[in-house]
Amino acid sequence: MAELLVSAPAKINLHLEVLGLRPDGFHELAMVMQTLDLADQLSIRPTADGAISLTCDRQDLPTDGSNLVVKAGELLRARVGLPELGAAIHLHKRIPIGAGLAGGSSNGAAALVGLNHLWGCGFSSAQLHAMAAELGSDMPFCIAGGTQLCFGRGEQLEPAGLEAAPALGVLLIKHPQASVSTPWAYGRCRELRSDFYLEAEVEFEQRREALRTGALLAGLRGEAALPPIRNDLQAVVEPEVASVREGLALLRQATGALAVAMSGSGPSLFALFPNAEAAAAAHTQLAVDLAAAGFEAWCCRCTGCGVTLG
């Protein structure tokens, strides 16, 4: 059988609110996530040797059993109960590693969707989403994509109700040497902001409803001006990570930027513009300064879908 190509897109957080702590020790979140047209690609070829092998064009990315692509294949194979199933998978990376853009989660989601198709497992979308949630909080969103409200640990999805993907242009930047540990960022948030944490489910639901009916979704639908983007992790990361401070300061200089923020726990940063042309013009405007500060940059568009075959 010919190899199957699967696209695994990046995401940004258009809203990240830490509501409080859950009984399982994770944080209860209220988020809006958005897929971009910046995507990795998996090429998958079935084998009958019972081995799931992964190669990658980035030598600094682990390709052993710690990679979510391999974990996804092993979980899917265990659920279908056919240990002889195998696959040779090659990962072409375009999403920067460790960037707060869900690259690893999207790769794992792409493996689930691609292998389910290639092996003929027949699992439904709901079953794939449940398996994705076992592997990572962002993975169900990576399968669904588009513009979604994400609650719980991030695995509980609600469509944002947009007729199409926002027509926004995105200028995305990351310093290749910068990294932020997600557990550290949430731990720091707990240290500095726990006095503001909510405790009761009724309080959590009030914040979810405020997000559903608030200014952000109205702005994304074009009904109102886009408000400033809230990211509670940015509030604790920005003061302590120099590249985040510097990158945000550069993006805030961009002509025509509607909003500037960090994605997830960082260190990737982005500015939103009315359209892709405005984002490209801002990239041109900032190119010399971004390069001088060592930042990589991508001009992106919002998309309405997550993992796709072909």
Protein backbone atom coordinates (compact mmCIF):
# COMPACT_ATOMS: atom_id res chain seq x y z
CA MET A 1 0.00 0.00 0.00
CA ALA A 2 1.21 3.50 -0.83
CA GLU A 3 2.18 5.75 2.04
CA LEU A 4 -0.45 7.91 3.69
CA LEU A 5 0.24 11.62 4.25
CA VAL A 6 -1.27 13.29 7.31
CA SER A 7 -1.14 17.02 8.10
CA ALA A 8 -0.64 17.99 11.77
CA PRO A 9 -1.29 21.73 12.30
CA ALA A 10 -0.04 24.02 15.04
CA LYS A 11 -2.34 25.88 17.44
CA ILE A 12 -2.29 29.14 19.32
CA ASN A 13 -4.23 30.11 22.43
CA LEU A 14 -6.54 33.06 21.88
CA HIS A 15 -7.56 32.82 25.55
CA LEU A 16 -6.01 30.90 28.45
CA GLU A 17 -7.63 31.34 31.83
CA VAL A 18 -6.53 29.32 34.87
CA LEU A 19 -9.69 28.88 36.91
CA GLY A 20 -8.43 26.76 39.80
CA LEU A 21 -7.30 23.29 40.80
CA ARG A 22 -9.11 20.05 39.96
CA PRO A 23 -9.37 17.03 42.30
CA ASP A 24 -6.88 15.18 40.04
CA GLY A 25 -4.22 17.86 40.67
CA PHE A 26 -4.44 19.40 37.20
CA HIS A 27 -5.59 22.96 36.66
CA GLU A 28 -9.13 23.67 35.52
CA LEU A 29 -8.85 25.80 32.39
CA ALA A 30 -11.05 27.91 30.15
CA MET A 31 -9.43 28.44 26.76
CA VAL A 32 -10.04 29.33 23.15
CA MET A 33 -7.67 27.54 20.81
CA GLN A 34 -7.17 28.13 17.09
CA THR A 35 -5.41 26.05 14.45
CA LEU A 36 -2.95 27.63 12.02
CA ASP A 37 -1.79 26.68 8.55
CA LEU A 38 1.72 26.02 9.93
CA ALA A 39 1.80 22.22 9.98
CA ASP A 40 4.02 19.19 10.33
CA GLN A 41 3.49 16.23 8.00
CA LEU A 42 3.53 12.52 8.80
CA SER A 43 4.10 9.98 6.05
CA ILE A 44 2.94 6.53 7.20
CA ARG A 45 3.54 3.19 5.54
CA PRO A 46 1.97 0.01 6.98
CA THR A 47 4.19 -2.93 7.87
CA ALA A 48 3.40 -6.44 9.07
CA ASP A 49 6.32 -6.86 11.46
CA GLY A 50 4.60 -5.57 14.60
CA ALA A 51 7.03 -2.64 14.86
CA ILE A 52 6.12 1.04 15.02
CA SER A 53 9.20 2.94 13.87
CA LEU A 54 9.59 6.71 13.67
CA THR A 55 12.14 8.80 11.83
CA CYS A 56 12.34 12.59 11.67
CA ASP A 57 14.21 15.22 9.69
CA ARG A 58 15.09 16.94 12.99
CA GLN A 59 17.92 15.14 14.76
CA ASP A 60 17.13 16.80 18.09
CA LEU A 61 13.67 15.22 18.35
CA PRO A 62 13.42 11.88 20.20
CA THR A 63 11.93 9.16 18.00
CA ASP A 64 11.71 6.39 20.60
CA GLY A 65 8.76 5.29 22.73
CA SER A 66 8.69 8.67 24.49
CA ASN A 67 7.38 10.36 21.33
CA LEU A 68 3.61 10.83 21.21
CA VAL A 69 3.53 9.46 17.65
CA VAL A 70 4.81 6.10 18.87
CA LYS A 71 2.63 6.20 21.99
CA ALA A 72 -0.44 6.88 19.83
CA GLY A 73 0.35 3.95 17.55
CA GLU A 74 0.90 1.61 20.48
CA LEU A 75 -2.36 2.66 22.16
CA LEU A 76 -4.37 2.27 18.97
CA ARG A 77 -2.87 -1.15 18.27
CA ALA A 78 -3.57 -2.31 21.83
CA ARG A 79 -7.21 -1.19 21.56
CA VAL A 80 -7.76 -3.00 18.27
CA GLY A 81 -6.06 -6.11 19.64
CA LEU A 82 -3.83 -6.91 16.67
CA PRO A 83 -0.21 -6.93 17.86
CA GLU A 84 1.10 -7.81 14.40
CA LEU A 85 0.15 -4.37 13.04
CA GLY A 86 3.14 -2.17 12.31
CA ALA A 87 4.00 1.10 10.64
CA ALA A 88 7.01 3.02 9.39
CA ILE A 89 6.40 6.70 10.08
CA HIS A 90 8.45 9.68 8.96
CA LEU A 91 7.86 13.08 10.53
CA HIS A 92 8.65 16.25 8.59
CA LYS A 93 8.85 19.06 11.18
CA ARG A 94 7.87 22.63 10.43
CA ILE A 95 6.38 23.55 13.81
CA PRO A 96 9.16 24.58 16.20
CA ILE A 97 9.84 22.12 19.02
CA GLY A 98 8.90 22.96 22.61
CA ALA A 99 7.14 26.12 21.55
CA GLY A 100 3.70 26.08 23.18
CA LEU A 101 2.15 25.39 19.76
CA ALA A 102 1.08 21.77 20.45
CA GLY A 103 3.43 20.39 17.81
CA GLY A 104 4.01 17.13 19.71
CA SER A 105 0.32 16.76 20.54
CA SER A 106 -0.65 17.42 16.93
CA ASN A 107 1.83 14.81 15.74
CA GLY A 108 0.34 12.26 18.13
CA ALA A 109 -3.17 13.18 17.01
CA ALA A 110 -2.13 12.77 13.38
CA ALA A 111 -0.75 9.32 14.16
CA LEU A 112 -4.06 8.28 15.76
CA VAL A 113 -6.14 9.49 12.82
CA GLY A 114 -3.73 8.23 10.17
CA LEU A 115 -3.20 4.76 11.63
CA ASN A 116 -6.91 4.33 12.34
CA HIS A 117 -7.46 4.87 8.61
CA LEU A 118 -4.45 2.92 7.38
CA TRP A 119 -4.96 -0.10 9.61
CA GLY A 120 -8.73 -0.09 9.04
CA CYS A 121 -9.45 -0.01 12.78
CA GLY A 122 -12.85 1.62 12.33
CA PHE A 123 -12.79 3.70 15.51
CA SER A 124 -15.26 6.59 15.54
CA SER A 125 -14.31 10.23 16.03
CA ALA A 126 -15.59 10.04 19.61
CA GLN A 127 -13.43 6.98 20.32
CA LEU A 128 -10.36 8.65 18.81
CA HIS A 129 -10.99 11.77 20.91
CA ALA A 130 -11.19 9.64 24.05
CA MET A 131 -7.89 7.94 23.22
CA ALA A 132 -6.33 11.31 22.42
CA ALA A 133 -7.39 12.64 25.83
CA GLU A 134 -5.58 9.73 27.50
CA LEU A 135 -2.34 10.74 25.80
CA GLY A 136 -2.42 14.53 26.21
CA SER A 137 -4.73 17.39 27.12
CA ASP A 138 -4.26 19.21 23.78
CA MET A 139 -4.64 16.14 21.57
CA PRO A 140 -8.46 16.10 21.21
CA PHE A 141 -8.32 19.71 20.04
CA CYS A 142 -5.57 18.86 17.56
CA ILE A 143 -7.86 16.26 15.97
CA ALA A 144 -10.85 18.62 15.78
CA GLY A 145 -9.07 21.90 15.03
CA GLY A 146 -10.69 25.14 13.98
CA THR A 147 -11.77 27.56 16.70
CA GLN A 148 -12.79 25.73 19.85
CA LEU A 149 -13.56 26.51 23.45
CA CYS A 150 -11.55 24.06 25.55
CA PHE A 151 -12.43 23.31 29.17
CA GLY A 152 -11.35 20.87 31.87
CA ARG A 153 -7.66 20.12 31.30
CA GLY A 154 -8.25 21.36 27.76
CA GLU A 155 -9.70 18.09 26.48
CA GLN A 156 -13.39 19.11 26.73
CA LEU A 157 -14.27 20.84 23.45
CA GLU A 158 -17.09 23.14 22.40
CA PRO A 159 -17.23 24.66 18.91
CA ALA A 160 -16.93 28.42 19.07
CA GLY A 161 -19.87 28.83 16.68
CA LEU A 162 -18.00 30.64 13.92
CA GLU A 163 -19.24 30.14 10.36
CA ALA A 164 -15.66 30.03 9.10
CA ALA A 165 -12.13 30.37 10.41
CA PRO A 166 -11.29 33.94 11.47
CA ALA A 167 -9.84 35.90 8.55
CA LEU A 168 -6.96 37.02 10.75
CA GLY A 169 -3.32 37.11 9.80
CA VAL A 170 -0.87 35.83 12.40
CA LEU A 171 2.78 36.79 12.84
CA LEU A 172 4.32 34.06 14.97
CA ILE A 173 7.82 34.28 16.49
CA LYS A 174 10.03 32.10 18.65
CA HIS A 175 13.64 32.30 19.79
CA PRO A 176 15.21 28.92 18.92
CA GLN A 177 17.19 28.78 22.16
CA ALA A 178 14.24 29.69 24.38
CA SER A 179 12.29 27.05 26.25
CA VAL A 180 9.68 27.11 28.99
CA SER A 181 8.72 24.05 31.01
CA THR A 182 4.93 23.69 31.05
CA PRO A 183 4.93 22.12 34.56
CA TRP A 184 7.13 24.98 35.78
CA ALA A 185 4.77 27.58 34.28
CA TYR A 186 1.70 26.06 35.93
CA GLY A 187 3.60 25.61 39.19
CA ARG A 188 4.67 29.24 39.13
CA CYS A 189 1.10 30.25 38.37
CA ARG A 190 -0.05 28.32 41.43
CA GLU A 191 2.61 30.00 43.58
CA LEU A 192 1.78 33.52 42.45
CA ARG A 193 -1.92 33.44 41.62
CA SER A 194 -3.55 30.77 43.78
CA ASP A 195 -5.23 33.44 45.91
CA PHE A 196 -7.37 34.15 42.83
CA TYR A 197 -8.26 30.50 42.14
CA LEU A 198 -11.92 29.54 42.14
CA GLU A 199 -13.01 26.42 43.98
CA ALA A 200 -16.61 25.52 43.19
CA GLU A 201 -17.93 24.01 39.96
CA VAL A 202 -20.62 26.69 39.84
CA GLU A 203 -17.85 29.33 39.77
CA PHE A 204 -16.03 27.47 37.02
CA GLU A 205 -19.21 27.35 34.96
CA GLN A 206 -19.78 31.07 35.41
CA ARG A 207 -16.37 31.75 33.87
CA ARG A 208 -17.05 29.30 31.02
CA GLU A 209 -20.32 31.06 30.26
CA ALA A 210 -18.60 34.45 30.40
CA LEU A 211 -16.17 33.21 27.76
CA ARG A 212 -18.96 31.79 25.57
CA THR A 213 -20.84 35.10 25.57
CA GLY A 214 -17.95 37.54 25.90
CA ALA A 215 -16.10 40.01 23.72
CA LEU A 216 -13.52 37.58 22.32
CA LEU A 217 -15.93 35.37 20.37
CA ALA A 218 -17.87 38.45 19.27
CA GLY A 219 -14.60 39.89 17.96
CA LEU A 220 -13.71 36.66 16.17
CA ARG A 221 -17.14 36.70 14.52
CA GLY A 222 -16.50 40.26 13.34
CA GLU A 223 -19.28 41.70 15.48
CA ALA A 224 -17.01 43.86 17.64
CA ALA A 225 -13.42 44.94 18.04
CA LEU A 226 -11.04 42.20 19.15
CA PRO A 227 -10.27 42.62 22.87
CA PRO A 228 -6.82 42.14 24.43
CA ILE A 229 -5.91 38.46 24.68
CA ARG A 230 -5.83 36.94 28.15
CA ASN A 231 -3.16 34.35 28.97
CA ASP A 232 -2.74 33.79 32.70
CA LEU A 233 0.51 31.90 32.12
CA GLN A 234 1.97 34.87 30.25
CA ALA A 235 1.50 36.92 33.40
CA VAL A 236 3.94 34.64 35.25
CA VAL A 237 6.30 33.71 32.37
CA GLU A 238 6.89 37.16 30.86
CA PRO A 239 8.61 38.64 33.95
CA GLU A 240 11.01 35.69 34.19
CA VAL A 241 11.91 34.79 30.58
CA ALA A 242 13.94 37.43 28.76
CA SER A 243 13.15 36.23 25.23
CA VAL A 244 9.42 36.41 25.96
CA ARG A 245 9.72 39.98 27.21
CA GLU A 246 11.86 41.01 24.25
CA GLY A 247 9.70 39.29 21.65
CA LEU A 248 6.47 40.76 23.00
CA ALA A 249 8.04 44.22 23.01
CA LEU A 250 9.01 43.80 19.35
CA LEU A 251 5.56 42.57 18.31
CA ARG A 252 3.91 45.49 20.09
CA GLN A 253 5.78 47.79 17.70
CA ALA A 254 4.08 46.23 14.66
CA THR A 255 1.83 48.56 12.71
CA GLY A 256 -1.78 47.44 12.68
CA ALA A 257 -1.53 44.70 15.33
CA LEU A 258 -4.92 43.93 16.86
CA ALA A 259 -3.54 41.92 19.77
CA VAL A 260 -0.21 40.52 20.98
CA ALA A 261 0.22 37.53 23.28
CA MET A 262 2.14 34.39 24.24
CA SER A 263 0.76 31.02 23.16
CA GLY A 264 0.16 28.41 25.86
CA SER A 265 3.02 28.26 28.33
CA GLY A 266 5.36 29.79 25.74
CA PRO A 267 7.86 30.66 24.58
CA SER A 268 6.15 31.25 21.19
CA LEU A 269 4.58 34.67 20.74
CA PHE A 270 2.17 36.04 18.18
CA ALA A 271 0.46 39.17 16.91
CA LEU A 272 -2.94 39.16 15.23
CA PHE A 273 -3.74 41.35 12.22
CA PRO A 274 -6.89 42.04 10.20
CA ASN A 275 -5.64 39.83 7.37
CA ALA A 276 -2.63 37.87 6.09
CA GLU A 277 -1.36 40.81 4.06
CA ALA A 278 -1.13 43.00 7.16
CA ALA A 279 0.75 40.23 8.99
CA ALA A 280 3.22 39.96 6.08
CA ALA A 281 3.72 43.74 6.08
CA ALA A 282 4.42 43.65 9.82
CA HIS A 283 6.92 40.85 9.28
CA THR A 284 8.70 43.02 6.72
CA GLN A 285 8.61 45.98 9.12
CA LEU A 286 10.13 43.97 11.99
CA ALA A 287 12.39 41.62 10.02
CA VAL A 288 15.69 43.36 10.78
CA ASP A 289 14.96 43.72 14.50
CA LEU A 290 13.65 40.17 14.81
CA ALA A 291 16.74 38.77 13.10
CA ALA A 292 19.04 40.90 15.22
CA ALA A 293 17.39 39.54 18.36
CA GLY A 294 17.67 35.97 17.06
CA PHE A 295 13.97 35.27 16.52
CA GLU A 296 12.53 32.95 13.89
CA ALA A 297 9.25 34.13 12.37
CA TRP A 298 6.33 32.69 10.42
CA CYS A 299 3.36 34.39 8.75
CA CYS A 300 0.27 32.21 9.22
CA ARG A 301 -3.46 32.11 8.62
CA CYS A 302 -6.17 30.67 10.84
CA THR A 303 -7.72 27.44 9.54
CA GLY A 304 -10.98 25.67 10.22
CA CYS A 305 -9.76 22.11 10.62
CA GLY A 306 -7.33 20.01 12.61
CA VAL A 307 -5.58 16.84 11.49
CA THR A 308 -6.30 16.03 7.83
CA LEU A 309 -5.51 13.08 5.58
CA GLY A 310 -3.90 13.46 2.19
